């Protein structure tokens, strides 16, 4: 569940960027779209962001939705994993 929220948010942001700005200069490909495990286990979902332009890009990841059951936490990881409150 940790990265599921991040993947879903990034997918929504890609769709929003495409609608607002037309041609995208990057792609996002989730490696998994869901995961299950036993209670107390860590579920890791990830994907790949690829720059499809000839120039460098600056991307910003925003956690827009983090609706989780009571007692659950999620973290976004971009090389480093950040605390659930970020």
Protein backbone atom coordinates (compact mmCIF):
# COMPACT_ATOMS: atom_id res chain seq x y z
CA UNK A 1 0.00 0.00 0.00
CA UNK A 2 3.01 2.28 0.51
CA UNK A 3 3.55 3.09 -3.13
CA UNK A 4 0.06 2.32 -4.41
CA UNK A 5 -1.14 5.77 -3.42
CA UNK A 6 1.92 7.35 -5.03
CA UNK A 7 1.39 5.41 -8.26
CA UNK A 8 -2.28 6.33 -8.43
CA UNK A 9 -1.54 10.00 -7.76
CA UNK A 10 1.23 10.06 -10.36
CA UNK A 11 -1.07 8.44 -12.90
CA UNK A 12 -3.67 11.13 -12.24
CA UNK A 13 -1.03 13.86 -12.54
CA UNK A 14 0.14 12.47 -15.88
CA UNK A 15 -3.43 12.56 -17.17
CA UNK A 16 -3.89 16.10 -15.87
CA UNK A 17 -0.62 17.27 -17.43
CA UNK A 18 -1.58 15.73 -20.76
CA UNK A 19 -4.95 17.49 -20.69
CA UNK A 20 -3.45 20.86 -19.71
CA UNK A 21 -0.23 20.89 -21.71
CA UNK A 22 -0.74 18.54 -24.64
CA UNK A 23 2.32 16.50 -25.59
CA UNK A 24 4.11 14.96 -22.62
CA UNK A 25 7.85 14.73 -22.39
CA UNK A 26 7.85 11.79 -19.98
CA UNK A 27 6.03 8.52 -19.50
CA UNK A 28 5.00 6.67 -16.35
CA UNK A 29 4.68 2.89 -16.36
CA UNK A 30 3.49 1.23 -13.14
CA UNK A 31 5.08 -2.18 -12.62
CA UNK A 32 2.13 -3.21 -10.42
CA UNK A 33 -1.29 -1.64 -9.90
CA UNK A 34 -2.35 -3.51 -6.76
CA UNK A 35 -0.93 -5.69 -4.04
CA UNK A 36 -2.04 -7.89 -1.15
CA UNK A 37 -0.22 -9.40 1.82
CA UNK A 38 -0.75 -10.41 5.43
CA UNK A 39 -1.53 -7.88 8.16
CA UNK A 40 1.59 -6.03 9.30
CA UNK A 41 3.52 -6.69 6.11
CA UNK A 42 4.98 -4.04 3.84
CA UNK A 43 3.49 -3.91 0.35
CA UNK A 44 5.76 -2.25 -2.20
CA UNK A 45 4.40 -1.06 -5.53
CA UNK A 46 6.59 0.79 -7.97
CA UNK A 47 6.85 2.14 -11.47
CA UNK A 48 9.23 3.80 -13.88
CA UNK A 49 9.26 7.44 -14.98
CA UNK A 50 11.09 7.85 -18.32
CA UNK A 51 12.18 11.13 -19.87
CA UNK A 52 11.14 10.97 -23.54
CA UNK A 53 12.44 14.43 -24.46
CA UNK A 54 15.89 15.49 -25.63
CA UNK A 55 16.35 17.83 -22.64
CA UNK A 56 16.44 17.35 -18.89
CA UNK A 57 13.22 17.51 -16.89
CA UNK A 58 12.33 18.68 -13.42
CA UNK A 59 9.43 16.66 -12.02
CA UNK A 60 7.51 17.28 -8.82
CA UNK A 61 5.57 14.50 -7.13
CA UNK A 62 2.53 15.51 -5.11
CA UNK A 63 0.54 13.26 -2.82
CA UNK A 64 -2.95 14.46 -3.68
CA UNK A 65 -4.94 11.68 -1.98
CA UNK A 66 -3.96 9.51 0.96
CA UNK A 67 -7.23 7.93 2.07
CA UNK A 68 -6.24 4.95 4.23
CA UNK A 69 -7.95 2.93 6.96
CA UNK A 70 -7.25 3.94 10.57
CA UNK A 71 -3.81 2.75 11.67
CA UNK A 72 -2.39 2.45 8.15
CA UNK A 73 0.46 4.57 6.79
CA UNK A 74 1.95 5.13 3.37
CA UNK A 75 5.27 6.59 2.26
CA UNK A 76 6.49 7.95 -1.03
CA UNK A 77 9.96 6.83 -2.06
CA UNK A 78 12.11 8.53 -4.69
CA UNK A 79 15.53 7.00 -4.01
CA UNK A 80 14.82 7.76 -0.32
CA UNK A 81 11.63 6.91 1.55
CA UNK A 82 10.02 9.92 3.16
CA UNK A 83 7.95 9.88 6.39
CA UNK A 84 4.19 9.35 6.06
CA UNK A 85 3.46 13.01 6.89
CA UNK A 86 5.38 14.31 3.84
